[in-house]
Amino acid sequence: MNTAQPSWPGDIHRELTAAAVRQVAYVPDAGHSELIERCRLDNAMTAVPLTTEEEGIGVLAGAWLGGQRGVLLMQSSGIGNCVNMFGFAKTCRLPLLLLATMRGQWGEFNPWQLPMGQNAGPVLEASGVMVFPVEEAAQVGETVAAAARMVFEGSSSAAVLIGQRVVGVKSFDKD
């Protein structure tokens, strides 16, 4: 069963546009698929597919040094791949905006998703990243807007963790 509410990807795209985000680095993810497609079709944005999440921090550093704002889209399991690069962003005071669709939470069927899904917030906080969990679709847009302002105006790092109740429960069953 999928309980996703489809309006939140549009809310995020609207807020990224308002924040003048021009670079969108992402690892392909079903939870972000609608948002990725919106960014790919937006002529004001460059969508950059990655092979691993930590590459995105380097892409965003280059975007910032080139005068552009960026965002990194990932699934919660990719947070663990980025721990060393969080130190790079913090040490260099690079603005880092992460949007993570969560797994390993409410209704998860895949035990491999549980460790990082349950520990994403503490791992991010221990790495110096502000964490903003969202459990209601109606709050996603305003949370992204607030995090973007803190990141781009304060040269800090923030992650919006979009809860599994918002994204929807994944299943290998055919609907």
Protein backbone atom coordinates (compact mmCIF):
# COMPACT_ATOMS: atom_id res chain seq x y z
CA MET A 1 0.00 0.00 0.00
CA ASN A 2 1.32 3.43 -0.92
CA THR A 3 0.04 6.36 1.15
CA ALA A 4 2.09 9.09 -0.56
CA GLN A 5 0.53 12.49 -1.03
CA PRO A 6 1.65 13.83 -4.42
CA SER A 7 1.54 17.58 -3.74
CA TRP A 8 4.75 17.79 -1.71
CA PRO A 9 7.18 17.41 -4.66
CA GLY A 10 5.57 20.45 -6.27
CA ASP A 11 5.83 22.33 -2.98
CA ILE A 12 9.55 21.54 -2.80
CA HIS A 13 10.14 22.59 -6.41
CA ARG A 14 8.35 25.88 -5.77
CA GLU A 15 10.52 26.57 -2.70
CA LEU A 16 13.75 25.61 -4.48
CA THR A 17 12.83 28.02 -7.27
CA ALA A 18 12.07 30.77 -4.74
CA ALA A 19 15.47 30.13 -3.10
CA ALA A 20 17.20 30.50 -6.50
CA VAL A 21 18.52 26.93 -6.47
CA ARG A 22 20.14 26.20 -9.84
CA GLN A 23 21.99 22.89 -9.29
CA VAL A 24 20.13 19.74 -8.24
CA ALA A 25 22.41 16.80 -7.49
CA TYR A 26 20.65 13.48 -6.97
CA VAL A 27 21.00 9.75 -6.76
CA PRO A 28 17.97 8.27 -8.54
CA ASP A 29 15.28 7.52 -5.95
CA ALA A 30 11.63 6.55 -6.35
CA GLY A 31 10.68 8.82 -3.44
CA HIS A 32 12.13 11.86 -5.20
CA SER A 33 11.15 10.79 -8.75
CA GLU A 34 8.48 13.46 -9.29
CA LEU A 35 10.72 16.21 -7.87
CA ILE A 36 13.68 15.03 -9.98
CA GLU A 37 11.53 15.13 -13.10
CA ARG A 38 10.28 18.64 -12.29
CA CYS A 39 13.89 19.81 -11.83
CA ARG A 40 15.03 18.11 -15.04
CA LEU A 41 12.27 19.92 -16.98
CA ASP A 42 13.01 23.31 -15.38
CA ASN A 43 15.23 25.32 -17.72
CA ALA A 44 16.54 27.38 -14.79
CA MET A 45 17.91 24.26 -13.05
CA THR A 46 20.61 21.77 -13.92
CA ALA A 47 19.85 18.26 -12.67
CA VAL A 48 23.05 16.28 -12.05
CA PRO A 49 22.69 12.50 -11.62
CA LEU A 50 25.24 10.95 -9.28
CA THR A 51 26.59 7.45 -8.77
CA THR A 52 26.99 7.97 -5.00
CA GLU A 53 25.60 10.55 -2.60
CA GLU A 54 28.93 11.91 -1.39
CA GLU A 55 29.74 13.08 -4.93
CA GLY A 56 26.84 15.50 -4.53
CA ILE A 57 28.62 17.47 -1.83
CA GLY A 58 31.52 18.07 -4.21
CA VAL A 59 29.09 19.07 -6.97
CA LEU A 60 27.38 21.54 -4.64
CA ALA A 61 30.73 22.95 -3.49
CA GLY A 62 31.64 23.61 -7.13
CA ALA A 63 28.23 25.16 -7.77
CA TRP A 64 28.64 27.49 -4.77
CA LEU A 65 32.16 28.51 -5.80
CA GLY A 66 30.76 29.21 -9.27
CA GLY A 67 28.05 31.46 -7.84
CA GLN A 68 25.10 29.06 -7.83
CA ARG A 69 22.98 27.51 -5.11
CA GLY A 70 22.34 23.79 -5.05
CA VAL A 71 20.52 20.99 -3.28
CA LEU A 72 21.32 17.30 -2.79
CA LEU A 73 18.45 14.82 -3.09
CA MET A 74 18.91 11.35 -1.61
CA GLN A 75 17.32 8.48 0.22
CA SER A 76 18.11 8.12 3.92
CA SER A 77 20.39 5.14 3.28
CA GLY A 78 22.79 7.49 1.43
CA ILE A 79 23.40 9.63 4.51
CA GLY A 80 25.93 7.12 5.81
CA ASN A 81 27.89 7.45 2.57
CA CYS A 82 28.39 11.19 3.17
CA VAL A 83 29.82 11.35 6.69
CA ASN A 84 33.39 12.28 5.64
CA MET A 85 32.12 14.89 3.20
CA PHE A 86 29.96 16.56 5.86
CA GLY A 87 33.24 17.53 7.53
CA PHE A 88 34.42 19.11 4.26
CA ALA A 89 31.28 21.23 4.03
CA LYS A 90 31.51 22.27 7.69
CA THR A 91 35.23 23.08 7.63
CA CYS A 92 34.92 25.13 4.43
CA ARG A 93 31.65 26.75 5.58
CA LEU A 94 29.93 25.67 2.37
CA PRO A 95 26.15 25.89 2.39
CA LEU A 96 24.72 22.36 2.21
CA LEU A 97 21.02 21.67 1.73
CA LEU A 98 20.01 17.99 1.81
CA LEU A 99 16.55 16.60 1.16
CA ALA A 100 16.29 12.95 2.18
CA THR A 101 13.34 10.67 1.63
CA MET A 102 13.24 8.34 4.60
CA ARG A 103 13.24 4.57 4.68
CA GLY A 104 13.47 2.30 7.71
CA GLN A 105 10.58 3.99 9.47
CA TRP A 106 6.84 3.46 9.62
CA GLY A 107 5.75 0.35 7.73
CA GLU A 108 9.21 -0.56 6.34
CA PHE A 109 9.44 -4.08 4.96
CA ASN A 110 13.16 -4.13 4.12
CA PRO A 111 15.40 -4.83 7.15
CA TRP A 112 18.44 -3.41 5.31
CA GLN A 113 16.82 0.04 5.48
CA LEU A 114 16.30 0.02 9.25
CA PRO A 115 19.79 0.95 10.57
CA MET A 116 20.23 4.22 8.68
CA GLY A 117 16.52 5.00 8.69
CA GLN A 118 16.52 4.84 12.48
CA ASN A 119 19.84 6.69 12.86
CA ALA A 120 19.82 9.30 10.07
CA GLY A 121 19.00 12.22 12.39
CA PRO A 122 21.63 11.41 15.02
CA VAL A 123 24.30 10.77 12.35
CA LEU A 124 23.55 14.12 10.70
CA GLU A 125 23.52 15.99 14.02
CA ALA A 126 26.82 14.39 15.07
CA SER A 127 28.22 15.63 11.74
CA GLY A 128 27.18 19.23 12.41
CA VAL A 129 24.11 19.20 10.15
CA MET A 130 20.85 20.77 11.38
CA VAL A 131 17.99 18.27 11.06
CA PHE A 132 14.39 19.07 10.22
CA PRO A 133 12.15 15.97 10.17
CA VAL A 134 8.77 16.28 8.42
CA GLU A 135 5.92 13.85 9.03
CA GLU A 136 3.09 15.71 7.28
CA ALA A 137 2.99 16.48 3.55
CA ALA A 138 1.52 19.93 4.18
CA GLN A 139 4.66 20.93 6.11
CA VAL A 140 7.26 19.87 3.53
CA GLY A 141 7.32 23.10 1.50
CA GLU A 142 7.59 25.47 4.45
CA THR A 143 10.27 23.29 6.05
CA VAL A 144 12.35 23.30 2.86
CA ALA A 145 11.95 27.09 2.64
CA ALA A 146 13.13 27.58 6.23
CA ALA A 147 16.08 25.19 5.83
CA ALA A 148 17.12 26.84 2.55
CA ARG A 149 17.13 30.26 4.17
CA MET A 150 19.28 29.02 7.07
CA VAL A 151 21.69 27.29 4.68
CA PHE A 152 22.11 29.95 2.02
CA GLU A 153 22.02 33.00 4.28
CA GLY A 154 24.02 31.44 7.11
CA SER A 155 26.53 29.22 5.29
CA SER A 156 25.43 26.20 7.27
CA SER A 157 24.31 22.63 6.63
CA ALA A 158 20.73 21.42 7.01
CA ALA A 159 18.81 18.29 6.13
CA VAL A 160 15.07 17.98 5.66
CA LEU A 161 14.09 14.39 6.42
CA ILE A 162 10.85 13.61 4.61
CA GLY A 163 9.22 10.88 6.68
CA GLN A 164 8.09 7.56 5.31
CA ARG A 165 4.45 8.42 6.05
CA VAL A 166 4.81 11.33 3.60
CA VAL A 167 6.81 9.46 0.95
CA GLY A 168 4.70 6.32 1.18
CA VAL A 169 5.55 2.78 2.09
CA LYS A 170 7.43 0.91 -0.62
CA SER A 171 6.64 -2.65 -1.53
CA PHE A 172 7.89 -5.21 -4.01
CA ASP A 173 4.29 -6.33 -4.49
CA LYS A 174 2.62 -5.32 -7.73
CA ASP A 175 -0.35 -3.02 -7.15
